[in-house]
Amino acid sequence: MKTGIVVLGHGSRRAVDEANHVLLRLAEMVKADTGADLLETAFMNPKAQRQNLADAVGKLVAGGATKIIVAPVFLSNGLHMQKDIPTEIALLKEKHAVEIKTAAHLGADPRIAAVIVDRIREVAGN
């Protein structure tokens, strides 16, 4: 069973595309850490004018993935996590007849808090 990964973010409109590069860099880090051969980045915001979830899943399936893990880069369990992503994934499961699982949102993870503390210390002079 070949597993594909989608690193999914919200995305910013094309006019500020440099904001989208953070997700692209994170996806590169995930690929390096996991050794995944099949990894795509996707954006929920159509104004980002970048690959969406459906296109990312389609590429992974075309590449031989029979199982796909969607890793959302969202801090909270908001509307995208509760409604939009599950609805889209249900349609994609029907279309491609593959297993698709969604990882949890990032949430209030102590590792994220540690990064915030590091950033505070950087400017506080400690």
Protein backbone atom coordinates (compact mmCIF):
# COMPACT_ATOMS: atom_id res chain seq x y z
CA MET A 1 0.00 0.00 0.00
CA LYS A 2 1.52 3.31 -1.11
CA THR A 3 0.72 6.23 1.18
CA GLY A 4 0.56 9.80 -0.05
CA ILE A 5 0.57 12.92 2.10
CA VAL A 6 -1.15 16.25 1.51
CA VAL A 7 0.11 19.17 3.57
CA LEU A 8 -2.97 21.41 3.56
CA GLY A 9 -3.03 25.08 4.51
CA HIS A 10 -5.40 27.98 4.12
CA GLY A 11 -3.28 30.07 1.81
CA SER A 12 -3.23 33.76 0.98
CA ARG A 13 -4.39 35.51 -2.14
CA ARG A 14 -1.93 35.57 -5.01
CA ALA A 15 -1.11 39.26 -4.44
CA VAL A 16 0.75 38.25 -1.26
CA ASP A 17 2.02 34.91 -2.53
CA GLU A 18 5.15 35.09 -0.40
CA ALA A 19 2.87 34.18 2.53
CA ASN A 20 2.14 30.86 0.79
CA HIS A 21 5.83 30.00 0.74
CA VAL A 22 5.74 29.21 4.47
CA LEU A 23 3.47 26.22 3.76
CA LEU A 24 5.68 25.14 0.87
CA ARG A 25 8.75 25.21 3.12
CA LEU A 26 6.91 23.30 5.85
CA ALA A 27 5.91 20.67 3.28
CA GLU A 28 9.56 20.30 2.25
CA MET A 29 10.48 19.74 5.91
CA VAL A 30 7.71 17.15 6.30
CA LYS A 31 8.92 15.36 3.19
CA ALA A 32 12.50 15.31 4.48
CA ASP A 33 11.46 14.08 7.93
CA THR A 34 9.07 11.39 6.67
CA GLY A 35 10.99 10.32 3.58
CA ALA A 36 7.67 10.41 1.73
CA ASP A 37 7.93 9.90 -2.02
CA LEU A 38 4.36 10.99 -2.54
CA LEU A 39 3.73 14.40 -0.99
CA GLU A 40 1.73 17.32 -2.30
CA THR A 41 0.90 20.75 -0.91
CA ALA A 42 -2.62 22.12 -1.18
CA PHE A 43 -4.40 25.36 -0.34
CA MET A 44 -8.02 25.89 0.72
CA ASN A 45 -8.19 29.53 -0.44
CA PRO A 46 -9.01 29.65 -4.17
CA LYS A 47 -7.60 33.20 -4.29
CA ALA A 48 -4.16 31.69 -3.60
CA GLN A 49 -4.26 30.43 -7.21
CA ARG A 50 -2.30 27.37 -6.11
CA GLN A 51 -3.09 23.67 -6.07
CA ASN A 52 -6.26 22.76 -4.19
CA LEU A 53 -7.03 19.59 -2.23
CA ALA A 54 -8.78 17.86 -5.13
CA ASP A 55 -5.83 18.41 -7.47
CA ALA A 56 -3.33 17.27 -4.83
CA VAL A 57 -5.28 14.06 -4.16
CA GLY A 58 -5.61 13.47 -7.90
CA LYS A 59 -1.84 13.72 -8.35
CA LEU A 60 -1.19 11.33 -5.47
CA VAL A 61 -3.65 8.78 -6.84
CA ALA A 62 -2.07 9.11 -10.30
CA GLY A 63 1.28 8.47 -8.61
CA GLY A 64 0.01 5.21 -7.18
CA ALA A 65 -1.20 6.21 -3.71
CA THR A 66 -3.87 3.90 -2.31
CA LYS A 67 -3.97 5.65 1.06
CA ILE A 68 -3.75 9.39 1.60
CA ILE A 69 -3.14 11.32 4.80
CA VAL A 70 -4.23 14.94 4.82
CA ALA A 71 -2.16 16.96 7.31
CA PRO A 72 -3.94 20.26 7.93
CA VAL A 73 -1.76 23.17 8.99
CA PHE A 74 -4.51 24.91 10.97
CA LEU A 75 -4.17 26.06 14.58
CA SER A 76 -7.81 25.63 15.54
CA ASN A 77 -10.73 23.33 14.85
CA GLY A 78 -12.59 25.98 12.88
CA LEU A 79 -15.01 25.84 9.97
CA HIS A 80 -12.51 24.41 7.48
CA MET A 81 -11.65 21.56 9.87
CA GLN A 82 -15.23 20.86 10.95
CA LYS A 83 -17.09 21.25 7.65
CA ASP A 84 -15.17 22.16 4.50
CA ILE A 85 -12.36 19.60 4.63
CA PRO A 86 -14.54 16.61 5.68
CA THR A 87 -17.08 17.45 2.96
CA GLU A 88 -14.42 17.66 0.28
CA ILE A 89 -12.70 14.49 1.47
CA ALA A 90 -15.98 12.55 1.36
CA LEU A 91 -16.36 13.52 -2.31
CA LEU A 92 -12.74 12.65 -3.09
CA LYS A 93 -13.10 9.20 -1.49
CA GLU A 94 -16.03 8.48 -3.78
CA LYS A 95 -14.27 9.82 -6.85
CA HIS A 96 -10.98 7.99 -6.36
CA ALA A 97 -11.99 4.97 -4.24
CA VAL A 98 -8.98 5.42 -1.94
CA GLU A 99 -8.62 5.60 1.81
CA ILE A 100 -8.20 9.20 2.97
CA LYS A 101 -7.54 10.09 6.60
CA THR A 102 -7.24 13.53 8.11
CA ALA A 103 -4.70 14.27 10.84
CA ALA A 104 -5.77 16.52 13.70
CA HIS A 105 -5.34 20.29 13.55
CA LEU A 106 -2.25 21.66 15.29
CA GLY A 107 -4.13 22.86 18.35
CA ALA A 108 -2.68 24.11 21.62
CA ASP A 109 0.41 21.94 21.41
CA PRO A 110 3.26 22.61 23.85
CA ARG A 111 5.72 22.45 20.94
CA ILE A 112 3.99 25.42 19.32
CA ALA A 113 3.98 27.27 22.64
CA ALA A 114 7.73 26.66 22.86
CA VAL A 115 8.24 28.30 19.46
CA ILE A 116 6.15 31.29 20.60
CA VAL A 117 8.25 31.60 23.75
CA ASP A 118 11.43 31.43 21.63
CA ARG A 119 10.14 34.26 19.42
CA ILE A 120 9.28 36.36 22.51
CA ARG A 121 12.75 35.79 23.94
CA GLU A 122 14.34 36.80 20.63
CA VAL A 123 12.93 40.31 20.95
CA ALA A 124 12.94 40.57 24.75
CA GLY A 125 16.70 40.33 24.92
CA ASN A 126 16.82 37.27 27.17
